[in-house]
PDB file of all heavy atoms in Angstrom:
ATOM      1  N   ARG A   1     106.938 -45.161  71.755  1.00  0.00           N
ATOM      2  CA  ARG A   1     106.337 -44.610  70.544  1.00  0.00           C
ATOM      3  C   ARG A   1     105.885 -43.177  70.806  1.00  0.00           C
ATOM      4  O   ARG A   1     105.412 -42.858  71.892  1.00  0.00           O
ATOM      5  CB  ARG A   1     105.147 -45.457  70.099  1.00  0.00           C
ATOM      6  CG  ARG A   1     105.522 -46.879  69.670  1.00  0.00           C
ATOM      7  CD  ARG A   1     104.292 -47.632  69.184  1.00  0.00           C
ATOM      8  NE  ARG A   1     104.642 -48.956  68.682  1.00  0.00           N
ATOM      9  CZ  ARG A   1     104.673 -50.043  69.434  1.00  0.00           C
ATOM     10  NH1 ARG A   1     104.362 -49.971  70.722  1.00  0.00           N
ATOM     11  NH2 ARG A   1     105.008 -51.213  68.917  1.00  0.00           N
ATOM     12  N   TYR A   2     106.007 -42.337  69.778  1.00  0.00           N
ATOM     13  CA  TYR A   2     105.531 -40.961  69.920  1.00  0.00           C
ATOM     14  C   TYR A   2     105.088 -40.442  68.566  1.00  0.00           C
ATOM     15  O   TYR A   2     105.367 -41.053  67.528  1.00  0.00           O
ATOM     16  CB  TYR A   2     106.605 -40.062  70.532  1.00  0.00           C
ATOM     17  CG  TYR A   2     107.876 -39.876  69.732  1.00  0.00           C
ATOM     18  CD1 TYR A   2     108.048 -38.755  68.917  1.00  0.00           C
ATOM     19  CD2 TYR A   2     108.912 -40.808  69.799  1.00  0.00           C
ATOM     20  CE1 TYR A   2     109.223 -38.577  68.193  1.00  0.00           C
ATOM     21  CE2 TYR A   2     110.090 -40.630  69.080  1.00  0.00           C
ATOM     22  CZ  TYR A   2     110.243 -39.520  68.283  1.00  0.00           C
ATOM     23  OH  TYR A   2     111.409 -39.335  67.572  1.00  0.00           O
ATOM     24  N   GLN A   3     104.362 -39.345  68.590  1.00  0.00           N
ATOM     25  CA  GLN A   3     103.875 -38.710  67.373  1.00  0.00           C
ATOM     26  C   GLN A   3     104.481 -37.324  67.232  1.00  0.00           C
ATOM     27  O   GLN A   3     104.785 -36.661  68.233  1.00  0.00           O
ATOM     28  CB  GLN A   3     102.350 -38.584  67.403  1.00  0.00           C
ATOM     29  CG  GLN A   3     101.588 -39.900  67.311  1.00  0.00           C
ATOM     30  CD  GLN A   3     101.446 -40.409  65.885  1.00  0.00           C
ATOM     31  OE1 GLN A   3     101.423 -39.630  64.940  1.00  0.00           O
ATOM     32  NE2 GLN A   3     101.357 -41.729  65.731  1.00  0.00           N
ATOM     33  N   VAL A   4     104.617 -36.887  65.991  1.00  0.00           N
ATOM     34  CA  VAL A   4     105.042 -35.521  65.704  1.00  0.00           C
ATOM     35  C   VAL A   4     104.064 -34.931  64.702  1.00  0.00           C
ATOM     36  O   VAL A   4     103.807 -35.530  63.648  1.00  0.00           O
ATOM     37  CB  VAL A   4     106.469 -35.470  65.112  1.00  0.00           C
ATOM     38  CG1 VAL A   4     106.872 -34.019  64.814  1.00  0.00           C
ATOM     39  CG2 VAL A   4     107.475 -36.120  66.054  1.00  0.00           C
ATOM     40  N   PHE A   5     103.500 -33.780  65.048  1.00  0.00           N
ATOM     41  CA  PHE A   5     102.697 -33.038  64.080  1.00  0.00           C
ATOM     42  C   PHE A   5     103.644 -32.150  63.273  1.00  0.00           C
ATOM     43  O   PHE A   5     104.386 -31.345  63.844  1.00  0.00           O
ATOM     44  CB  PHE A   5     101.650 -32.175  64.775  1.00  0.00           C
ATOM     45  CG  PHE A   5     100.877 -31.288  63.830  1.00  0.00           C
ATOM     46  CD1 PHE A   5      99.824 -31.788  63.087  1.00  0.00           C
ATOM     47  CD2 PHE A   5     101.237 -29.948  63.664  1.00  0.00           C
ATOM     48  CE1 PHE A   5      99.117 -30.981  62.202  1.00  0.00           C
ATOM     49  CE2 PHE A   5     100.544 -29.135  62.781  1.00  0.00           C
ATOM     50  CZ  PHE A   5      99.482 -29.647  62.043  1.00  0.00           C
ATOM     51  N   VAL A   6     103.615 -32.323  61.948  1.00  0.00           N
ATOM     52  CA  VAL A   6     104.457 -31.528  61.056  1.00  0.00           C
ATOM     53  C   VAL A   6     103.560 -30.523  60.351  1.00  0.00           C
ATOM     54  O   VAL A   6     102.628 -30.912  59.639  1.00  0.00           O
ATOM     55  CB  VAL A   6     105.177 -32.423  60.033  1.00  0.00           C
ATOM     56  CG1 VAL A   6     106.096 -31.590  59.146  1.00  0.00           C
ATOM     57  CG2 VAL A   6     105.965 -33.518  60.745  1.00  0.00           C
ATOM     58  N   PRO A   7     103.791 -29.241  60.544  1.00  0.00           N
ATOM     59  CA  PRO A   7     102.872 -28.239  59.995  1.00  0.00           C
ATOM     60  C   PRO A   7     102.971 -28.132  58.484  1.00  0.00           C
ATOM     61  O   PRO A   7     103.981 -28.515  57.869  1.00  0.00           O
ATOM     62  CB  PRO A   7     103.333 -26.940  60.661  1.00  0.00           C
ATOM     63  CG  PRO A   7     104.778 -27.168  60.962  1.00  0.00           C
ATOM     64  CD  PRO A   7     104.891 -28.628  61.307  1.00  0.00           C
ATOM     65  N   ALA A   8     101.921 -27.600  57.874  1.00  0.00           N
ATOM     66  CA  ALA A   8     101.940 -27.301  56.448  1.00  0.00           C
ATOM     67  C   ALA A   8     103.034 -26.275  56.165  1.00  0.00           C
ATOM     68  O   ALA A   8     103.277 -25.374  56.969  1.00  0.00           O
ATOM     69  CB  ALA A   8     100.584 -26.764  56.006  1.00  0.00           C
ATOM     70  N   THR A   9     103.683 -26.418  55.047  1.00  0.00           N
ATOM     71  CA  THR A   9     104.793 -25.533  54.716  1.00  0.00           C
ATOM     72  C   THR A   9     104.363 -24.068  54.726  1.00  0.00           C
ATOM     73  O   THR A   9     105.077 -23.196  55.232  1.00  0.00           O
ATOM     74  CB  THR A   9     105.363 -25.894  53.341  1.00  0.00           C
ATOM     75  OG1 THR A   9     105.739 -27.276  53.346  1.00  0.00           O
ATOM     76  CG2 THR A   9     106.576 -25.044  53.011  1.00  0.00           C
ATOM     77  N   ALA A  10     103.175 -23.784  54.202  1.00  0.00           N
ATOM     78  CA  ALA A  10     102.714 -22.401  54.113  1.00  0.00           C
ATOM     79  C   ALA A  10     102.418 -21.788  55.476  1.00  0.00           C
ATOM     80  O   ALA A  10     102.360 -20.560  55.616  1.00  0.00           O
ATOM     81  CB  ALA A  10     101.467 -22.325  53.243  1.00  0.00           C
ATOM     82  N   ALA A  11     102.228 -22.628  56.502  1.00  0.00           N
ATOM     83  CA  ALA A  11     101.875 -22.112  57.827  1.00  0.00           C
ATOM     84  C   ALA A  11     103.077 -21.730  58.664  1.00  0.00           C
ATOM     85  O   ALA A  11     102.931 -21.074  59.697  1.00  0.00           O
ATOM     86  CB  ALA A  11     101.055 -23.160  58.582  1.00  0.00           C
ATOM     87  N   THR A  12     104.267 -22.134  58.240  1.00  0.00           N
ATOM     88  CA  THR A  12     105.451 -21.893  59.052  1.00  0.00           C
ATOM     89  C   THR A  12     106.286 -20.756  58.473  1.00  0.00           C
ATOM     90  O   THR A  12     106.335 -20.574  57.256  1.00  0.00           O
ATOM     91  CB  THR A  12     106.324 -23.159  59.137  1.00  0.00           C
ATOM     92  OG1 THR A  12     106.653 -23.580  57.813  1.00  0.00           O
ATOM     93  CG2 THR A  12     105.582 -24.276  59.846  1.00  0.00           C
ATOM     94  N   PRO A  13     106.962 -20.009  59.326  1.00  0.00           N
ATOM     95  CA  PRO A  13     107.818 -18.934  58.829  1.00  0.00           C
ATOM     96  C   PRO A  13     109.054 -19.507  58.153  1.00  0.00           C
ATOM     97  O   PRO A  13     109.381 -20.684  58.326  1.00  0.00           O
ATOM     98  CB  PRO A  13     108.188 -18.179  60.120  1.00  0.00           C
ATOM     99  CG  PRO A  13     108.064 -19.200  61.198  1.00  0.00           C
ATOM    100  CD  PRO A  13     106.939 -20.095  60.779  1.00  0.00           C
ATOM    101  N   PRO A  14     109.767 -18.693  57.360  1.00  0.00           N
ATOM    102  CA  PRO A  14     110.985 -19.178  56.715  1.00  0.00           C
ATOM    103  C   PRO A  14     112.018 -19.620  57.753  1.00  0.00           C
ATOM    104  O   PRO A  14     112.066 -19.105  58.869  1.00  0.00           O
ATOM    105  CB  PRO A  14     111.485 -17.954  55.943  1.00  0.00           C
ATOM    106  CG  PRO A  14     110.284 -17.086  55.773  1.00  0.00           C
ATOM    107  CD  PRO A  14     109.441 -17.311  56.996  1.00  0.00           C
ATOM    108  N   GLY A  15     112.838 -20.582  57.379  1.00  0.00           N
ATOM    109  CA  GLY A  15     113.885 -21.044  58.282  1.00  0.00           C
ATOM    110  C   GLY A  15     113.400 -22.145  59.200  1.00  0.00           C
ATOM    111  O   GLY A  15     112.400 -22.815  58.952  1.00  0.00           O
ATOM    112  N   ALA A  16     114.128 -22.332  60.290  1.00  0.00           N
ATOM    113  CA  ALA A  16     113.793 -23.378  61.252  1.00  0.00           C
ATOM    114  C   ALA A  16     112.431 -23.118  61.881  1.00  0.00           C
ATOM    115  O   ALA A  16     112.024 -21.979  62.090  1.00  0.00           O
ATOM    116  CB  ALA A  16     114.869 -23.454  62.337  1.00  0.00           C
ATOM    117  N   ARG A  17     111.733 -24.206  62.222  1.00  0.00           N
ATOM    118  CA  ARG A  17     110.356 -24.096  62.706  1.00  0.00           C
ATOM    119  C   ARG A  17     110.289 -24.116  64.228  1.00  0.00           C
ATOM    120  O   ARG A  17     111.058 -24.816  64.884  1.00  0.00           O
ATOM    121  CB  ARG A  17     109.534 -25.251  62.138  1.00  0.00           C
ATOM    122  CG  ARG A  17     109.377 -25.188  60.639  1.00  0.00           C
ATOM    123  CD  ARG A  17     108.716 -26.428  60.077  1.00  0.00           C
ATOM    124  NE  ARG A  17     109.629 -27.551  60.008  1.00  0.00           N
ATOM    125  CZ  ARG A  17     109.426 -28.647  59.280  1.00  0.00           C
ATOM    126  NH1 ARG A  17     108.327 -28.746  58.559  1.00  0.00           N
ATOM    127  NH2 ARG A  17     110.292 -29.629  59.268  1.00  0.00           N
ATOM    128  N   PRO A  18     109.336 -23.369  64.797  1.00  0.00           N
ATOM    129  CA  PRO A  18     109.119 -23.499  66.235  1.00  0.00           C
ATOM    130  C   PRO A  18     108.597 -24.888  66.573  1.00  0.00           C
ATOM    131  O   PRO A  18     108.047 -25.586  65.707  1.00  0.00           O
ATOM    132  CB  PRO A  18     108.070 -22.417  66.536  1.00  0.00           C
ATOM    133  CG  PRO A  18     107.418 -22.129  65.238  1.00  0.00           C
ATOM    134  CD  PRO A  18     108.436 -22.395  64.177  1.00  0.00           C
ATOM    135  N   LEU A  19     108.775 -25.285  67.833  1.00  0.00           N
ATOM    136  CA  LEU A  19     108.350 -26.621  68.269  1.00  0.00           C
ATOM    137  C   LEU A  19     107.668 -26.516  69.626  1.00  0.00           C
ATOM    138  O   LEU A  19     108.155 -25.828  70.528  1.00  0.00           O
ATOM    139  CB  LEU A  19     109.548 -27.564  68.343  1.00  0.00           C
ATOM    140  CG  LEU A  19     109.282 -29.023  68.736  1.00  0.00           C
ATOM    141  CD1 LEU A  19     110.321 -29.947  68.093  1.00  0.00           C
ATOM    142  CD2 LEU A  19     109.291 -29.221  70.258  1.00  0.00           C
ATOM    143  N   VAL A  20     106.550 -27.212  69.757  1.00  0.00           N
ATOM    144  CA  VAL A  20     105.820 -27.300  71.023  1.00  0.00           C
ATOM    145  C   VAL A  20     105.922 -28.735  71.534  1.00  0.00           C
ATOM    146  O   VAL A  20     105.537 -29.677  70.831  1.00  0.00           O
ATOM    147  CB  VAL A  20     104.334 -26.917  70.849  1.00  0.00           C
ATOM    148  CG1 VAL A  20     103.588 -27.068  72.180  1.00  0.00           C
ATOM    149  CG2 VAL A  20     104.198 -25.498  70.316  1.00  0.00           C
ATOM    150  N   LEU A  21     106.446 -28.917  72.723  1.00  0.00           N
ATOM    151  CA  LEU A  21     106.463 -30.224  73.382  1.00  0.00           C
ATOM    152  C   LEU A  21     105.222 -30.314  74.256  1.00  0.00           C
ATOM    153  O   LEU A  21     105.031 -29.503  75.163  1.00  0.00           O
ATOM    154  CB  LEU A  21     107.723 -30.387  74.231  1.00  0.00           C
ATOM    155  CG  LEU A  21     107.844 -31.694  75.026  1.00  0.00           C
ATOM    156  CD1 LEU A  21     107.863 -32.906  74.108  1.00  0.00           C
ATOM    157  CD2 LEU A  21     109.084 -31.671  75.917  1.00  0.00           C
ATOM    158  N   PHE A  22     104.363 -31.308  73.977  1.00  0.00           N
ATOM    159  CA  PHE A  22     103.098 -31.469  74.695  1.00  0.00           C
ATOM    160  C   PHE A  22     103.148 -32.713  75.577  1.00  0.00           C
ATOM    161  O   PHE A  22     103.454 -33.809  75.092  1.00  0.00           O
ATOM    162  CB  PHE A  22     101.933 -31.585  73.714  1.00  0.00           C
ATOM    163  CG  PHE A  22     100.633 -31.965  74.378  1.00  0.00           C
ATOM    164  CD1 PHE A  22      99.927 -31.036  75.126  1.00  0.00           C
ATOM    165  CD2 PHE A  22     100.142 -33.256  74.264  1.00  0.00           C
ATOM    166  CE1 PHE A  22      98.745 -31.391  75.749  1.00  0.00           C
ATOM    167  CE2 PHE A  22      98.948 -33.623  74.885  1.00  0.00           C
ATOM    168  CZ  PHE A  22      98.245 -32.680  75.627  1.00  0.00           C
ATOM    169  N   LEU A  23     102.812 -32.546  76.847  1.00  0.00           N
ATOM    170  CA  LEU A  23     102.780 -33.653  77.807  1.00  0.00           C
ATOM    171  C   LEU A  23     101.334 -33.956  78.186  1.00  0.00           C
ATOM    172  O   LEU A  23     100.623 -33.093  78.706  1.00  0.00           O
ATOM    173  CB  LEU A  23     103.599 -33.298  79.050  1.00  0.00           C
ATOM    174  CG  LEU A  23     105.066 -32.901  78.804  1.00  0.00           C
ATOM    175  CD1 LEU A  23     105.764 -32.643  80.140  1.00  0.00           C
ATOM    176  CD2 LEU A  23     105.810 -33.957  77.993  1.00  0.00           C
ATOM    177  N   HIS A  24     100.933 -35.178  77.941  1.00  0.00           N
ATOM    178  CA  HIS A  24      99.543 -35.584  78.129  1.00  0.00           C
ATOM    179  C   HIS A  24      99.202 -35.805  79.602  1.00  0.00           C
ATOM    180  O   HIS A  24     100.071 -35.794  80.490  1.00  0.00           O
ATOM    181  CB  HIS A  24      99.268 -36.867  77.341  1.00  0.00           C
ATOM    182  CG  HIS A  24     100.073 -38.050  77.813  1.00  0.00           C
ATOM    183  ND1 HIS A  24      99.789 -38.751  78.960  1.00  0.00           N
ATOM    184  CD2 HIS A  24     101.173 -38.651  77.289  1.00  0.00           C
ATOM    185  CE1 HIS A  24     100.646 -39.736  79.119  1.00  0.00           C
ATOM    186  NE2 HIS A  24     101.517 -39.698  78.109  1.00  0.00           N
ATOM    187  N   GLY A  25      97.911 -36.061  79.856  1.00  0.00           N
ATOM    188  CA  GLY A  25      97.421 -36.349  81.199  1.00  0.00           C
ATOM    189  C   GLY A  25      97.338 -37.837  81.480  1.00  0.00           C
ATOM    190  O   GLY A  25      97.735 -38.682  80.660  1.00  0.00           O
ATOM    191  N   SER A  26      96.781 -38.175  82.643  1.00  0.00           N
ATOM    192  CA  SER A  26      96.746 -39.570  83.093  1.00  0.00           C
ATOM    193  C   SER A  26      95.984 -40.481  82.146  1.00  0.00           C
ATOM    194  O   SER A  26      96.336 -41.645  81.963  1.00  0.00           O
ATOM    195  CB  SER A  26      96.108 -39.641  84.487  1.00  0.00           C
ATOM    196  OG  SER A  26      96.844 -38.891  85.422  1.00  0.00           O
ATOM    197  N   GLY A  27      94.916 -39.982  81.535  1.00  0.00           N
ATOM    198  CA  GLY A  27      94.071 -40.816  80.697  1.00  0.00           C
ATOM    199  C   GLY A  27      94.694 -41.243  79.389  1.00  0.00           C
ATOM    200  O   GLY A  27      94.165 -42.134  78.710  1.00  0.00           O
ATOM    201  N   GLU A  28      95.812 -40.619  79.021  1.00  0.00           N
ATOM    202  CA  GLU A  28      96.436 -40.925  77.735  1.00  0.00           C
ATOM    203  C   GLU A  28      97.705 -41.769  77.872  1.00  0.00           C
ATOM    204  O   GLU A  28      98.468 -41.914  76.914  1.00  0.00           O
ATOM    205  CB  GLU A  28      96.754 -39.636  76.980  1.00  0.00           C
ATOM    206  CG  GLU A  28      95.532 -38.869  76.523  1.00  0.00           C
ATOM    207  CD  GLU A  28      94.828 -38.144  77.662  1.00  0.00           C
ATOM    208  OE1 GLU A  28      95.469 -37.326  78.356  1.00  0.00           O
ATOM    209  OE2 GLU A  28      93.613 -38.413  77.876  1.00  0.00           O
ATOM    210  N   ARG A  29      97.929 -42.345  79.048  1.00  0.00           N
ATOM    211  CA  ARG A  29      99.096 -43.199  79.237  1.00  0.00           C
ATOM    212  C   ARG A  29      98.946 -44.497  78.453  1.00  0.00           C
ATOM    213  O   ARG A  29      97.836 -44.934  78.156  1.00  0.00           O
ATOM    214  CB  ARG A  29      99.298 -43.493  80.722  1.00  0.00           C
ATOM    215  CG  ARG A  29      99.743 -42.283  81.516  1.00  0.00           C
ATOM    216  CD  ARG A  29      99.902 -42.571  83.002  1.00  0.00           C
ATOM    217  NE  ARG A  29      98.617 -42.758  83.681  1.00  0.00           N
ATOM    218  CZ  ARG A  29      98.467 -42.848  84.992  1.00  0.00           C
ATOM    219  NH1 ARG A  29      99.537 -42.795  85.783  1.00  0.00           N
ATOM    220  NH2 ARG A  29      97.283 -43.003  85.538  1.00  0.00           N
ATOM    221  N   GLY A  30     100.075 -45.120  78.121  1.00  0.00           N
ATOM    222  CA  GLY A  30     100.035 -46.377  77.389  1.00  0.00           C
ATOM    223  C   GLY A  30     101.294 -46.562  76.567  1.00  0.00           C
ATOM    224  O   GLY A  30     102.338 -45.952  76.855  1.00  0.00           O
ATOM    225  N   ASP A  31     101.203 -47.388  75.513  1.00  0.00           N
ATOM    226  CA  ASP A  31     102.372 -47.637  74.665  1.00  0.00           C
ATOM    227  C   ASP A  31     102.023 -47.617  73.184  1.00  0.00           C
ATOM    228  O   ASP A  31     102.817 -48.045  72.345  1.00  0.00           O
ATOM    229  CB  ASP A  31     103.036 -48.960  75.032  1.00  0.00           C
ATOM    230  CG  ASP A  31     102.110 -50.165  74.865  1.00  0.00           C
ATOM    231  OD1 ASP A  31     100.963 -49.982  74.366  1.00  0.00           O
ATOM    232  OD2 ASP A  31     102.523 -51.280  75.213  1.00  0.00           O
ATOM    233  N   ASP A  32     100.830 -47.099  72.839  1.00  0.00           N
ATOM    234  CA  ASP A  32     100.421 -47.081  71.440  1.00  0.00           C
ATOM    235  C   ASP A  32     100.945 -45.872  70.677  1.00  0.00           C
ATOM    236  O   ASP A  32     100.955 -45.866  69.447  1.00  0.00           O
ATOM    237  CB  ASP A  32      98.901 -47.145  71.318  1.00  0.00           C
ATOM    238  CG  ASP A  32      98.202 -45.924  71.923  1.00  0.00           C
ATOM    239  OD1 ASP A  32      98.861 -45.154  72.660  1.00  0.00           O
ATOM    240  OD2 ASP A  32      96.997 -45.755  71.665  1.00  0.00           O
ATOM    241  N   GLY A  33     101.371 -44.844  71.390  1.00  0.00           N
ATOM    242  CA  GLY A  33     101.854 -43.638  70.758  1.00  0.00           C
ATOM    243  C   GLY A  33     100.770 -42.741  70.204  1.00  0.00           C
ATOM    244  O   GLY A  33     101.053 -41.631  69.737  1.00  0.00           O
TER     245      GLY A  33
END
């Protein structure tokens, strides 16, 4: 399971959107997403 934050339309530039891949630390391991 994973989550995606989708930005508000007004906050993103025209066209394709930039993307940040975030890797959590040890305390956030699990399977709840």
